PDB file of N, CA and C in Angstrom:
ATOM      1  N   MET A   1     104.078 120.809  62.608  1.00  0.00           N
ATOM      2  CA  MET A   1     103.906 121.221  63.997  1.00  0.00           C
ATOM      3  C   MET A   1     102.413 121.373  64.289  1.00  0.00           C
ATOM      4  N   VAL A   2     101.999 120.820  65.408  1.00  0.00           N
ATOM      5  CA  VAL A   2     100.598 120.851  65.797  1.00  0.00           C
ATOM      6  C   VAL A   2     100.400 121.996  66.790  1.00  0.00           C
ATOM      7  N   LYS A   3      99.329 122.756  66.599  1.00  0.00           N
ATOM      8  CA  LYS A   3      99.021 123.869  67.500  1.00  0.00           C
ATOM      9  C   LYS A   3      98.080 123.385  68.604  1.00  0.00           C
ATOM     10  N   ALA A   4      98.282 123.889  69.811  1.00  0.00           N
ATOM     11  CA  ALA A   4      97.491 123.450  70.956  1.00  0.00           C
ATOM     12  C   ALA A   4      96.024 123.833  70.801  1.00  0.00           C
ATOM     13  N   TYR A   5      95.742 125.014  70.259  1.00  0.00           N
ATOM     14  CA  TYR A   5      94.339 125.431  70.123  1.00  0.00           C
ATOM     15  C   TYR A   5      93.604 124.560  69.111  1.00  0.00           C
ATOM     16  N   GLU A   6      94.338 124.009  68.126  1.00  0.00           N
ATOM     17  CA  GLU A   6      93.711 123.082  67.179  1.00  0.00           C
ATOM     18  C   GLU A   6      93.422 121.744  67.855  1.00  0.00           C
ATOM     19  N   LEU A   7      94.322 121.335  68.744  1.00  0.00           N
ATOM     20  CA  LEU A   7      94.144 120.060  69.446  1.00  0.00           C
ATOM     21  C   LEU A   7      92.943 120.104  70.384  1.00  0.00           C
ATOM     22  N   ARG A   8      92.688 121.265  70.984  1.00  0.00           N
ATOM     23  CA  ARG A   8      91.577 121.382  71.935  1.00  0.00           C
ATOM     24  C   ARG A   8      90.222 121.151  71.264  1.00  0.00           C
ATOM     25  N   ARG A   9      90.142 121.408  69.955  1.00  0.00           N
ATOM     26  CA  ARG A   9      88.878 121.216  69.233  1.00  0.00           C
ATOM     27  C   ARG A   9      88.625 119.744  68.907  1.00  0.00           C
ATOM     28  N   GLN A  10      89.661 118.925  68.935  1.00  0.00           N
ATOM     29  CA  GLN A  10      89.521 117.516  68.550  1.00  0.00           C
ATOM     30  C   GLN A  10      88.963 116.683  69.688  1.00  0.00           C
ATOM     31  N   SER A  11      88.361 115.550  69.307  1.00  0.00           N
ATOM     32  CA  SER A  11      87.787 114.662  70.322  1.00  0.00           C
ATOM     33  C   SER A  11      88.891 113.801  70.935  1.00  0.00           C
ATOM     34  N   LYS A  12      88.517 113.067  71.972  1.00  0.00           N
ATOM     35  CA  LYS A  12      89.472 112.228  72.689  1.00  0.00           C
ATOM     36  C   LYS A  12      90.028 111.131  71.774  1.00  0.00           C
ATOM     37  N   ALA A  13      89.162 110.543  70.959  1.00  0.00           N
ATOM     38  CA  ALA A  13      89.580 109.469  70.052  1.00  0.00           C
ATOM     39  C   ALA A  13      90.540 110.000  68.984  1.00  0.00           C
ATOM     40  N   GLU A  14      90.232 111.186  68.446  1.00  0.00           N
ATOM     41  CA  GLU A  14      91.115 111.784  67.438  1.00  0.00           C
ATOM     42  C   GLU A  14      92.491 112.076  68.015  1.00  0.00           C
ATOM     43  N   LEU A  15      92.516 112.555  69.268  1.00  0.00           N
ATOM     44  CA  LEU A  15      93.792 112.838  69.920  1.00  0.00           C
ATOM     45  C   LEU A  15      94.590 111.556  70.134  1.00  0.00           C
ATOM     46  N   ALA A  16      93.899 110.487  70.503  1.00  0.00           N
ATOM     47  CA  ALA A  16      94.579 109.199  70.707  1.00  0.00           C
ATOM     48  C   ALA A  16      95.169 108.693  69.393  1.00  0.00           C
ATOM     49  N   ASN A  17      94.409 108.820  68.306  1.00  0.00           N
ATOM     50  CA  ASN A  17      94.912 108.401  66.995  1.00  0.00           C
ATOM     51  C   ASN A  17      96.122 109.233  66.579  1.00  0.00           C
ATOM     52  N   LEU A  18      96.047 110.533  66.799  1.00  0.00           N
ATOM     53  CA  LEU A  18      97.153 111.418  66.466  1.00  0.00           C
ATOM     54  C   LEU A  18      98.399 111.063  67.269  1.00  0.00           C
ATOM     55  N   LEU A  19      98.200 110.751  68.545  1.00  0.00           N
ATOM     56  CA  LEU A  19      99.313 110.383  69.415  1.00  0.00           C
ATOM     57  C   LEU A  19      99.992 109.113  68.912  1.00  0.00           C
ATOM     58  N   GLU A  20      99.183 108.119  68.533  1.00  0.00           N
ATOM     59  CA  GLU A  20      99.745 106.866  68.011  1.00  0.00           C
ATOM     60  C   GLU A  20     100.538 107.112  66.732  1.00  0.00           C
ATOM     61  N   SER A  21      99.989 107.932  65.836  1.00  0.00           N
ATOM     62  CA  SER A  21     100.691 108.202  64.572  1.00  0.00           C
ATOM     63  C   SER A  21     102.003 108.948  64.821  1.00  0.00           C
ATOM     64  N   LEU A  22     101.996 109.886  65.780  1.00  0.00           N
ATOM     65  CA  LEU A  22     103.223 110.612  66.113  1.00  0.00           C
ATOM     66  C   LEU A  22     104.271 109.687  66.717  1.00  0.00           C
ATOM     67  N   LYS A  23     103.835 108.744  67.541  1.00  0.00           N
ATOM     68  CA  LYS A  23     104.776 107.805  68.159  1.00  0.00           C
ATOM     69  C   LYS A  23     105.395 106.880  67.118  1.00  0.00           C
ATOM     70  N   THR A  24     104.581 106.419  66.161  1.00  0.00           N
ATOM     71  CA  THR A  24     105.136 105.564  65.104  1.00  0.00           C
ATOM     72  C   THR A  24     106.100 106.361  64.225  1.00  0.00           C
ATOM     73  N   GLU A  25     105.763 107.624  63.962  1.00  0.00           N
ATOM     74  CA  GLU A  25     106.650 108.491  63.177  1.00  0.00           C
ATOM     75  C   GLU A  25     107.984 108.685  63.887  1.00  0.00           C
ATOM     76  N   LEU A  26     107.932 108.890  65.214  1.00  0.00           N
ATOM     77  CA  LEU A  26     109.152 109.058  65.996  1.00  0.00           C
ATOM     78  C   LEU A  26     110.002 107.796  65.964  1.00  0.00           C
ATOM     79  N   ALA A  27     109.346 106.638  66.063  1.00  0.00           N
ATOM     80  CA  ALA A  27     110.077 105.369  66.024  1.00  0.00           C
ATOM     81  C   ALA A  27     110.775 105.194  64.673  1.00  0.00           C
ATOM     82  N   SER A  28     110.076 105.525  63.597  1.00  0.00           N
ATOM     83  CA  SER A  28     110.696 105.394  62.270  1.00  0.00           C
ATOM     84  C   SER A  28     111.858 106.375  62.099  1.00  0.00           C
ATOM     85  N   LEU A  29     111.711 107.581  62.664  1.00  0.00           N
ATOM     86  CA  LEU A  29     112.809 108.557  62.598  1.00  0.00           C
ATOM     87  C   LEU A  29     114.032 108.062  63.361  1.00  0.00           C
ATOM     88  N   ARG A  30     113.809 107.409  64.496  1.00  0.00           N
ATOM     89  CA  ARG A  30     114.927 106.889  65.291  1.00  0.00           C
ATOM     90  C   ARG A  30     115.647 105.766  64.542  1.00  0.00           C
ATOM     91  N   VAL A  31     114.860 104.903  63.881  1.00  0.00           N
ATOM     92  CA  VAL A  31     115.454 103.824  63.086  1.00  0.00           C
ATOM     93  C   VAL A  31     116.272 104.424  61.949  1.00  0.00           C
ATOM     94  N   LYS A  32     115.718 105.429  61.301  1.00  0.00           N
ATOM     95  CA  LYS A  32     116.392 106.099  60.192  1.00  0.00           C
ATOM     96  C   LYS A  32     117.702 106.726  60.655  1.00  0.00           C
ATOM     97  N   GLN A  33     117.664 107.360  61.839  1.00  0.00           N
ATOM     98  CA  GLN A  33     118.853 108.000  62.385  1.00  0.00           C
ATOM     99  C   GLN A  33     119.908 106.954  62.741  1.00  0.00           C
ATOM    100  N   ALA A  34     119.481 105.849  63.330  1.00  0.00           N
ATOM    101  CA  ALA A  34     120.419 104.793  63.717  1.00  0.00           C
ATOM    102  C   ALA A  34     121.068 104.167  62.488  1.00  0.00           C
ATOM    103  N   SER A  35     120.290 103.953  61.444  1.00  0.00           N
ATOM    104  CA  SER A  35     120.847 103.348  60.232  1.00  0.00           C
ATOM    105  C   SER A  35     121.813 104.303  59.534  1.00  0.00           C
ATOM    106  N   SER A  36     121.517 105.612  59.580  1.00  0.00           N
ATOM    107  CA  SER A  36     122.426 106.580  58.959  1.00  0.00           C
ATOM    108  C   SER A  36     123.716 106.701  59.759  1.00  0.00           C
ATOM    109  N   ASN A  37     123.642 106.480  61.073  1.00  0.00           N
ATOM    110  CA  ASN A  37     124.844 106.539  61.908  1.00  0.00           C
ATOM    111  C   ASN A  37     125.753 105.357  61.649  1.00  0.00           C
ATOM    112  N   GLN A  38     125.195 104.195  61.317  1.00  0.00           N
ATOM    113  CA  GLN A  38     126.014 103.020  61.037  1.00  0.00           C
ATOM    114  C   GLN A  38     126.769 103.195  59.723  1.00  0.00           C
ATOM    115  N   GLN A  39     126.156 103.873  58.784  1.00  0.00           N
ATOM    116  CA  GLN A  39     126.788 104.052  57.478  1.00  0.00           C
ATOM    117  C   GLN A  39     127.937 105.050  57.552  1.00  0.00           C
ATOM    118  N   GLN A  40     127.807 106.071  58.336  1.00  0.00           N
ATOM    119  CA  GLN A  40     128.877 107.073  58.459  1.00  0.00           C
ATOM    120  C   GLN A  40     129.048 107.429  59.927  1.00  0.00           C
ATOM    121  N   ASN A  41     130.252 107.817  60.295  1.00  0.00           N
ATOM    122  CA  ASN A  41     130.552 108.108  61.701  1.00  0.00           C
ATOM    123  C   ASN A  41     130.001 109.452  62.158  1.00  0.00           C
ATOM    124  N   ALA A  42     129.766 110.372  61.242  1.00  0.00           N
ATOM    125  CA  ALA A  42     129.232 111.691  61.606  1.00  0.00           C
ATOM    126  C   ALA A  42     127.798 111.553  62.112  1.00  0.00           C
ATOM    127  N   VAL A  43     127.469 112.256  63.190  1.00  0.00           N
ATOM    128  CA  VAL A  43     126.129 112.182  63.789  1.00  0.00           C
ATOM    129  C   VAL A  43     125.325 113.392  63.321  1.00  0.00           C
ATOM    130  N   PRO A  44     124.377 113.210  62.394  1.00  0.00           N
ATOM    131  CA  PRO A  44     123.582 114.352  61.939  1.00  0.00           C
ATOM    132  C   PRO A  44     122.521 114.739  62.970  1.00  0.00           C
ATOM    133  N   LYS A  45     122.260 116.011  63.079  1.00  0.00           N
ATOM    134  CA  LYS A  45     121.200 116.497  63.978  1.00  0.00           C
ATOM    135  C   LYS A  45     119.847 116.196  63.344  1.00  0.00           C
ATOM    136  N   MET A  46     118.959 115.593  64.101  1.00  0.00           N
ATOM    137  CA  MET A  46     117.625 115.289  63.588  1.00  0.00           C
ATOM    138  C   MET A  46     116.653 116.340  64.121  1.00  0.00           C
ATOM    139  N   GLN A  47     116.459 117.399  63.370  1.00  0.00           N
ATOM    140  CA  GLN A  47     115.539 118.464  63.761  1.00  0.00           C
ATOM    141  C   GLN A  47     114.107 117.944  63.806  1.00  0.00           C
ATOM    142  N   ASN A  48     113.805 117.039  62.882  1.00  0.00           N
ATOM    143  CA  ASN A  48     112.435 116.546  62.778  1.00  0.00           C
ATOM    144  C   ASN A  48     112.028 115.744  64.013  1.00  0.00           C
ATOM    145  N   SER A  49     112.953 114.934  64.558  1.00  0.00           N
ATOM    146  CA  SER A  49     112.609 114.129  65.737  1.00  0.00           C
ATOM    147  C   SER A  49     112.298 115.029  66.931  1.00  0.00           C
ATOM    148  N   THR A  50     112.986 116.152  67.027  1.00  0.00           N
ATOM    149  CA  THR A  50     112.718 117.087  68.125  1.00  0.00           C
ATOM    150  C   THR A  50     111.305 117.654  68.026  1.00  0.00           C
ATOM    151  N   SER A  51     110.912 118.039  66.812  1.00  0.00           N
ATOM    152  CA  SER A  51     109.573 118.606  66.646  1.00  0.00           C
ATOM    153  C   SER A  51     108.495 117.549  66.897  1.00  0.00           C
ATOM    154  N   VAL A  52     108.776 116.303  66.507  1.00  0.00           N
ATOM    155  CA  VAL A  52     107.802 115.228  66.745  1.00  0.00           C
ATOM    156  C   VAL A  52     107.655 114.967  68.241  1.00  0.00           C
ATOM    157  N   ARG A  53     108.786 114.969  68.964  1.00  0.00           N
ATOM    158  CA  ARG A  53     108.712 114.774  70.423  1.00  0.00           C
ATOM    159  C   ARG A  53     107.918 115.892  71.083  1.00  0.00           C
ATOM    160  N   LYS A  54     108.101 117.116  70.621  1.00  0.00           N
ATOM    161  CA  LYS A  54     107.357 118.240  71.193  1.00  0.00           C
ATOM    162  C   LYS A  54     105.872 118.154  70.840  1.00  0.00           C
ATOM    163  N   ASP A  55     105.557 117.662  69.643  1.00  0.00           N
ATOM    164  CA  ASP A  55     104.155 117.455  69.262  1.00  0.00           C
ATOM    165  C   ASP A  55     103.496 116.415  70.160  1.00  0.00           C
ATOM    166  N   ILE A  56     104.243 115.345  70.456  1.00  0.00           N
ATOM    167  CA  ILE A  56     103.724 114.309  71.357  1.00  0.00           C
ATOM    168  C   ILE A  56     103.443 114.917  72.728  1.00  0.00           C
ATOM    169  N   ALA A  57     104.361 115.747  73.200  1.00  0.00           N
ATOM    170  CA  ALA A  57     104.178 116.406  74.504  1.00  0.00           C
ATOM    171  C   ALA A  57     102.955 117.312  74.489  1.00  0.00           C
ATOM    172  N   ARG A  58     102.738 118.038  73.376  1.00  0.00           N
ATOM    173  CA  ARG A  58     101.564 118.913  73.261  1.00  0.00           C
ATOM    174  C   ARG A  58     100.273 118.108  73.331  1.00  0.00           C
ATOM    175  N   VAL A  59     100.235 117.000  72.596  1.00  0.00           N
ATOM    176  CA  VAL A  59      99.023 116.161  72.588  1.00  0.00           C
ATOM    177  C   VAL A  59      98.753 115.629  73.992  1.00  0.00           C
ATOM    178  N   ASN A  60      99.805 115.153  74.675  1.00  0.00           N
ATOM    179  CA  ASN A  60      99.632 114.641  76.044  1.00  0.00           C
ATOM    180  C   ASN A  60      99.164 115.735  76.992  1.00  0.00           C
ATOM    181  N   THR A  61      99.694 116.943  76.841  1.00  0.00           N
ATOM    182  CA  THR A  61      99.301 118.065  77.699  1.00  0.00           C
ATOM    183  C   THR A  61      97.836 118.418  77.497  1.00  0.00           C
ATOM    184  N   VAL A  62      97.416 118.495  76.235  1.00  0.00           N
ATOM    185  CA  VAL A  62      96.025 118.856  75.947  1.00  0.00           C
ATOM    186  C   VAL A  62      95.072 117.790  76.472  1.00  0.00           C
ATOM    187  N   THR A  63      95.414 116.503  76.297  1.00  0.00           N
ATOM    188  CA  THR A  63      94.526 115.442  76.793  1.00  0.00           C
ATOM    189  C   THR A  63      94.396 115.510  78.312  1.00  0.00           C
ATOM    190  N   SER A  64      95.509 115.757  79.014  1.00  0.00           N
ATOM    191  CA  SER A  64      95.422 115.834  80.477  1.00  0.00           C
ATOM    192  C   SER A  64      94.641 117.063  80.923  1.00  0.00           C
ATOM    193  N   GLN A  65      94.801 118.194  80.222  1.00  0.00           N
ATOM    194  CA  GLN A  65      94.053 119.398  80.578  1.00  0.00           C
ATOM    195  C   GLN A  65      92.559 119.196  80.379  1.00  0.00           C
ATOM    196  N   VAL A  66      92.183 118.570  79.262  1.00  0.00           N
ATOM    197  CA  VAL A  66      90.763 118.316  78.986  1.00  0.00           C
ATOM    198  C   VAL A  66      90.189 117.374  80.036  1.00  0.00           C
ATOM    199  N   GLN A  67      90.973 116.360  80.400  1.00  0.00           N
ATOM    200  CA  GLN A  67      90.525 115.393  81.407  1.00  0.00           C
ATOM    201  C   GLN A  67      90.312 116.078  82.754  1.00  0.00           C
ATOM    202  N   ARG A  68      91.236 116.966  83.131  1.00  0.00           N
ATOM    203  CA  ARG A  68      91.096 117.689  84.411  1.00  0.00           C
ATOM    204  C   ARG A  68      89.880 118.614  84.393  1.00  0.00           C
ATOM    205  N   GLU A  69      89.610 119.256  83.262  1.00  0.00           N
ATOM    206  CA  GLU A  69      88.417 120.109  83.153  1.00  0.00           C
ATOM    207  C   GLU A  69      87.152 119.286  83.349  1.00  0.00           C
ATOM    208  N   GLN A  70      87.100 118.102  82.741  1.00  0.00           N
ATOM    209  CA  GLN A  70      85.940 117.228  82.885  1.00  0.00           C
ATOM    210  C   GLN A  70      85.777 116.787  84.340  1.00  0.00           C
ATOM    211  N   LEU A  71      86.893 116.469  84.996  1.00  0.00           N
ATOM    212  CA  LEU A  71      86.828 116.063  86.401  1.00  0.00           C
ATOM    213  C   LEU A  71      86.349 117.215  87.282  1.00  0.00           C
ATOM    214  N   ARG A  72      86.797 118.432  86.969  1.00  0.00           N
ATOM    215  CA  ARG A  72      86.345 119.594  87.743  1.00  0.00           C
ATOM    216  C   ARG A  72      84.832 119.784  87.609  1.00  0.00           C
ATOM    217  N   LEU A  73      84.307 119.587  86.405  1.00  0.00           N
ATOM    218  CA  LEU A  73      82.861 119.682  86.201  1.00  0.00           C
ATOM    219  C   LEU A  73      82.129 118.586  86.964  1.00  0.00           C
ATOM    220  N   PHE A  74      82.698 117.376  86.975  1.00  0.00           N
ATOM    221  CA  PHE A  74      82.068 116.242  87.656  1.00  0.00           C
ATOM    222  C   PHE A  74      81.999 116.476  89.166  1.00  0.00           C
ATOM    223  N   TYR A  75      83.079 117.029  89.739  1.00  0.00           N
ATOM    224  CA  TYR A  75      83.148 117.219  91.193  1.00  0.00           C
ATOM    225  C   TYR A  75      82.705 118.616  91.621  1.00  0.00           C
ATOM    226  N   LYS A  76      82.089 119.395  90.726  1.00  0.00           N
ATOM    227  CA  LYS A  76      81.773 120.790  91.018  1.00  0.00           C
ATOM    228  C   LYS A  76      80.930 120.960  92.278  1.00  0.00           C
ATOM    229  N   ASN A  77      79.856 120.201  92.418  1.00  0.00           N
ATOM    230  CA  ASN A  77      78.970 120.353  93.579  1.00  0.00           C
ATOM    231  C   ASN A  77      79.122 119.211  94.571  1.00  0.00           C
ATOM    232  N   ALA A  78      80.191 118.450  94.477  1.00  0.00           N
ATOM    233  CA  ALA A  78      80.412 117.328  95.388  1.00  0.00           C
ATOM    234  C   ALA A  78      80.882 117.836  96.746  1.00  0.00           C
ATOM    235  N   LYS A  79      80.637 117.025  97.770  1.00  0.00           N
ATOM    236  CA  LYS A  79      81.044 117.418  99.114  1.00  0.00           C
ATOM    237  C   LYS A  79      82.564 117.378  99.245  1.00  0.00           C
ATOM    238  N   PHE A  80      83.183 116.327  98.693  1.00  0.00           N
ATOM    239  CA  PHE A  80      84.630 116.180  98.754  1.00  0.00           C
ATOM    240  C   PHE A  80      85.204 116.194  97.346  1.00  0.00           C
ATOM    241  N   ILE A  81      86.317 116.896  97.174  1.00  0.00           N
ATOM    242  CA  ILE A  81      86.987 117.010  95.881  1.00  0.00           C
ATOM    243  C   ILE A  81      88.354 116.335  96.011  1.00  0.00           C
ATOM    244  N   PRO A  82      88.815 115.618  94.992  1.00  0.00           N
ATOM    245  CA  PRO A  82      90.140 115.007  95.064  1.00  0.00           C
ATOM    246  C   PRO A  82      91.233 116.051  95.330  1.00  0.00           C
ATOM    247  N   LEU A  83      92.284 115.623  96.022  1.00  0.00           N
ATOM    248  CA  LEU A  83      93.330 116.545  96.456  1.00  0.00           C
ATOM    249  C   LEU A  83      93.986 117.283  95.287  1.00  0.00           C
ATOM    250  N   ASP A  84      94.184 116.592  94.179  1.00  0.00           N
ATOM    251  CA  ASP A  84      94.873 117.239  93.064  1.00  0.00           C
ATOM    252  C   ASP A  84      94.003 118.259  92.342  1.00  0.00           C
ATOM    253  N   LEU A  85      92.689 118.256  92.600  1.00  0.00           N
ATOM    254  CA  LEU A  85      91.797 119.238  91.974  1.00  0.00           C
ATOM    255  C   LEU A  85      91.507 120.425  92.894  1.00  0.00           C
ATOM    256  N   ARG A  86      91.901 120.320  94.155  1.00  0.00           N
ATOM    257  CA  ARG A  86      91.652 121.417  95.098  1.00  0.00           C
ATOM    258  C   ARG A  86      92.594 122.588  94.834  1.00  0.00           C
ATOM    259  N   ALA A  87      92.198 123.762  95.315  1.00  0.00           N
ATOM    260  CA  ALA A  87      93.032 124.956  95.152  1.00  0.00           C
ATOM    261  C   ALA A  87      94.291 124.803  95.988  1.00  0.00           C
ATOM    262  N   LYS A  88      95.433 125.121  95.401  1.00  0.00           N
ATOM    263  CA  LYS A  88      96.710 124.913  96.079  1.00  0.00           C
ATOM    264  C   LYS A  88      96.936 125.942  97.179  1.00  0.00           C
ATOM    265  N   ARG A  89      96.880 127.220  96.857  1.00  0.00           N
ATOM    266  CA  ARG A  89      97.115 128.318  97.799  1.00  0.00           C
ATOM    267  C   ARG A  89      98.408 128.108  98.582  1.00  0.00           C
ATOM    268  N   THR A  90      98.426 128.526  99.846  1.00  0.00           N
ATOM    269  CA  THR A  90      99.587 128.260 100.693  1.00  0.00           C
ATOM    270  C   THR A  90      99.144 127.350 101.825  1.00  0.00           C
ATOM    271  N   ARG A  91     100.108 126.752 102.485  1.00  0.00           N
ATOM    272  CA  ARG A  91      99.805 125.807 103.556  1.00  0.00           C
ATOM    273  C   ARG A  91      99.049 126.501 104.693  1.00  0.00           C
ATOM    274  N   ALA A  92      99.451 127.721 105.012  1.00  0.00           N
ATOM    275  CA  ALA A  92      98.813 128.478 106.091  1.00  0.00           C
ATOM    276  C   ALA A  92      97.355 128.793 105.752  1.00  0.00           C
ATOM    277  N   ILE A  93      97.097 129.196 104.515  1.00  0.00           N
ATOM    278  CA  ILE A  93      95.732 129.523 104.106  1.00  0.00           C
ATOM    279  C   ILE A  93      94.853 128.278 104.145  1.00  0.00           C
ATOM    280  N   ARG A  94      95.404 127.127 103.717  1.00  0.00           N
ATOM    281  CA  ARG A  94      94.617 125.891 103.710  1.00  0.00           C
ATOM    282  C   ARG A  94      94.243 125.452 105.122  1.00  0.00           C
ATOM    283  N   ARG A  95      95.073 125.814 106.113  1.00  0.00           N
ATOM    284  CA  ARG A  95      94.829 125.345 107.479  1.00  0.00           C
ATOM    285  C   ARG A  95      94.057 126.317 108.358  1.00  0.00           C
ATOM    286  N   ARG A  96      93.894 127.554 107.909  1.00  0.00           N
ATOM    287  CA  ARG A  96      93.210 128.505 108.780  1.00  0.00           C
ATOM    288  C   ARG A  96      91.708 128.222 108.834  1.00  0.00           C
ATOM    289  N   LEU A  97      91.059 128.799 109.861  1.00  0.00           N
ATOM    290  CA  LEU A  97      89.635 128.566 110.077  1.00  0.00           C
ATOM    291  C   LEU A  97      88.797 129.185 108.962  1.00  0.00           C
ATOM    292  N   THR A  98      87.669 128.524 108.682  1.00  0.00           N
ATOM    293  CA  THR A  98      86.741 129.082 107.709  1.00  0.00           C
ATOM    294  C   THR A  98      85.934 130.196 108.382  1.00  0.00           C
ATOM    295  N   ALA A  99      85.168 130.928 107.612  1.00  0.00           N
ATOM    296  CA  ALA A  99      84.377 132.043 108.162  1.00  0.00           C
ATOM    297  C   ALA A  99      83.353 131.538 109.166  1.00  0.00           C
ATOM    298  N   SER A 100      82.717 130.399 108.878  1.00  0.00           N
ATOM    299  CA  SER A 100      81.716 129.855 109.800  1.00  0.00           C
ATOM    300  C   SER A 100      82.372 129.350 111.089  1.00  0.00           C
ATOM    301  N   GLU A 101      83.571 128.789 110.984  1.00  0.00           N
ATOM    302  CA  GLU A 101      84.273 128.324 112.183  1.00  0.00           C
ATOM    303  C   GLU A 101      84.717 129.495 113.052  1.00  0.00           C
ATOM    304  N   LYS A 102      85.101 130.605 112.410  1.00  0.00           N
ATOM    305  CA  LYS A 102      85.502 131.796 113.165  1.00  0.00           C
ATOM    306  C   LYS A 102      84.322 132.392 113.924  1.00  0.00           C
ATOM    307  N   ALA A 103      83.126 132.313 113.350  1.00  0.00           N
ATOM    308  CA  ALA A 103      81.939 132.923 113.949  1.00  0.00           C
ATOM    309  C   ALA A 103      81.399 132.123 115.129  1.00  0.00           C
ATOM    310  N   LEU A 104      81.794 130.865 115.286  1.00  0.00           N
ATOM    311  CA  LEU A 104      81.282 130.036 116.383  1.00  0.00           C
ATOM    312  C   LEU A 104      81.713 130.600 117.736  1.00  0.00           C
ATOM    313  N   LYS A 105      80.827 130.465 118.720  1.00  0.00           N
ATOM    314  CA  LYS A 105      81.123 130.942 120.064  1.00  0.00           C
ATOM    315  C   LYS A 105      80.929 129.800 121.062  1.00  0.00           C
ATOM    316  N   THR A 106      81.653 129.864 122.160  1.00  0.00           N
ATOM    317  CA  THR A 106      81.506 128.852 123.194  1.00  0.00           C
ATOM    318  C   THR A 106      80.180 129.063 123.925  1.00  0.00           C
ATOM    319  N   VAL A 107      79.777 128.069 124.689  1.00  0.00           N
ATOM    320  CA  VAL A 107      78.517 128.158 125.437  1.00  0.00           C
ATOM    321  C   VAL A 107      78.577 129.313 126.428  1.00  0.00           C
ATOM    322  N   LYS A 108      79.732 129.463 127.082  1.00  0.00           N
ATOM    323  CA  LYS A 108      79.886 130.527 128.072  1.00  0.00           C
ATOM    324  C   LYS A 108      79.768 131.906 127.406  1.00  0.00           C
ATOM    325  N   ALA A 109      80.373 132.068 126.244  1.00  0.00           N
ATOM    326  CA  ALA A 109      80.309 133.341 125.533  1.00  0.00           C
ATOM    327  C   ALA A 109      78.886 133.632 125.071  1.00  0.00           C
ATOM    328  N   GLN A 110      78.157 132.592 124.650  1.00  0.00           N
ATOM    329  CA  GLN A 110      76.764 132.779 124.217  1.00  0.00           C
ATOM    330  C   GLN A 110      75.901 133.235 125.387  1.00  0.00           C
ATOM    331  N   LYS A 111      76.099 132.600 126.544  1.00  0.00           N
ATOM    332  CA  LYS A 111      75.327 132.980 127.731  1.00  0.00           C
ATOM    333  C   LYS A 111      75.629 134.419 128.137  1.00  0.00           C
ATOM    334  N   LYS A 112      76.888 134.790 128.081  1.00  0.00           N
ATOM    335  CA  LYS A 112      77.297 136.139 128.455  1.00  0.00           C
ATOM    336  C   LYS A 112      76.640 137.172 127.540  1.00  0.00           C
ATOM    337  N   LEU A 113      76.581 136.868 126.235  1.00  0.00           N
ATOM    338  CA  LEU A 113      75.953 137.792 125.290  1.00  0.00           C
ATOM    339  C   LEU A 113      74.456 137.913 125.519  1.00  0.00           C
ATOM    340  N   THR A 114      73.795 136.805 125.843  1.00  0.00           N
ATOM    341  CA  THR A 114      72.345 136.863 126.042  1.00  0.00           C
ATOM    342  C   THR A 114      71.979 137.549 127.365  1.00  0.00           C
ATOM    343  N   HIS A 115      72.738 137.266 128.423  1.00  0.00           N
ATOM    344  CA  HIS A 115      72.405 137.834 129.723  1.00  0.00           C
ATOM    345  C   HIS A 115      72.886 139.273 129.899  1.00  0.00           C
ATOM    346  N   PHE A 116      73.966 139.616 129.247  1.00  0.00           N
ATOM    347  CA  PHE A 116      74.503 140.970 129.366  1.00  0.00           C
ATOM    348  C   PHE A 116      74.694 141.563 127.969  1.00  0.00           C
ATOM    349  N   PRO A 117      73.599 141.949 127.332  1.00  0.00           N
ATOM    350  CA  PRO A 117      73.749 142.518 125.974  1.00  0.00           C
ATOM    351  C   PRO A 117      74.416 143.889 126.045  1.00  0.00           C
ATOM    352  N   GLN A 118      74.899 144.328 124.918  1.00  0.00           N
ATOM    353  CA  GLN A 118      75.569 145.624 124.870  1.00  0.00           C
ATOM    354  C   GLN A 118      74.543 146.724 125.138  1.00  0.00           C
ATOM    355  N   ARG A 119      74.905 147.665 126.020  1.00  0.00           N
ATOM    356  CA  ARG A 119      73.966 148.704 126.411  1.00  0.00           C
ATOM    357  C   ARG A 119      73.847 149.760 125.339  1.00  0.00           C
ATOM    358  N   LYS A 120      72.613 150.323 125.271  1.00  0.00           N
ATOM    359  CA  LYS A 120      72.365 151.384 124.287  1.00  0.00           C
ATOM    360  C   LYS A 120      72.187 152.693 125.048  1.00  0.00           C
ATOM    361  N   TYR A 121      72.887 153.706 124.593  1.00  0.00           N
ATOM    362  CA  TYR A 121      72.794 154.997 125.230  1.00  0.00           C
ATOM    363  C   TYR A 121      72.222 156.017 124.262  1.00  0.00           C
ATOM    364  N   ALA A 122      71.386 156.906 124.810  1.00  0.00           N
ATOM    365  CA  ALA A 122      70.824 157.989 123.998  1.00  0.00           C
ATOM    366  C   ALA A 122      71.467 159.297 124.451  1.00  0.00           C
ATOM    367  N   ILE A 123      71.857 160.106 123.532  1.00  0.00           N
ATOM    368  CA  ILE A 123      72.507 161.373 123.864  1.00  0.00           C
ATOM    369  C   ILE A 123      71.489 162.497 123.695  1.00  0.00           C
ATOM    370  N   LYS A 124      71.380 163.333 124.765  1.00  0.00           N
ATOM    371  CA  LYS A 124      70.455 164.467 124.706  1.00  0.00           C
ATOM    372  C   LYS A 124      71.088 165.582 123.893  1.00  0.00           C
ATOM    373  N   ALA A 125      70.242 166.260 123.143  1.00  0.00           N
ATOM    374  CA  ALA A 125      70.768 167.347 122.308  1.00  0.00           C
ATOM    375  C   ALA A 125      70.781 168.646 123.068  1.00  0.00           C
TER     376      ALA A 125
END
């Protein structure tokens, strides 16, 4: 069984080699299982094939996670980020106005503020 934290330390090429070896191992296990089924009618449970399939899934998961991390670093200061790398949040949050858009004022409102500023009052003690 391969541990995910061990896989994260390996390079991309090492992960690819490991994936290929796991796939060939799975293929040989399937052939072995098929040949044993032809010899006898009883279907034995192949515990090993299950663990190999899960190892393959772990390797694929780690490679995709590493790839996404690299893409996030690449697009960190970019103006536009791919949709799958953007923050999901909720649909309403994604569509609401940004802080700068909320602060914008119409021409009429700007004129009103400049011509009629808020009055200041001094209170006598």
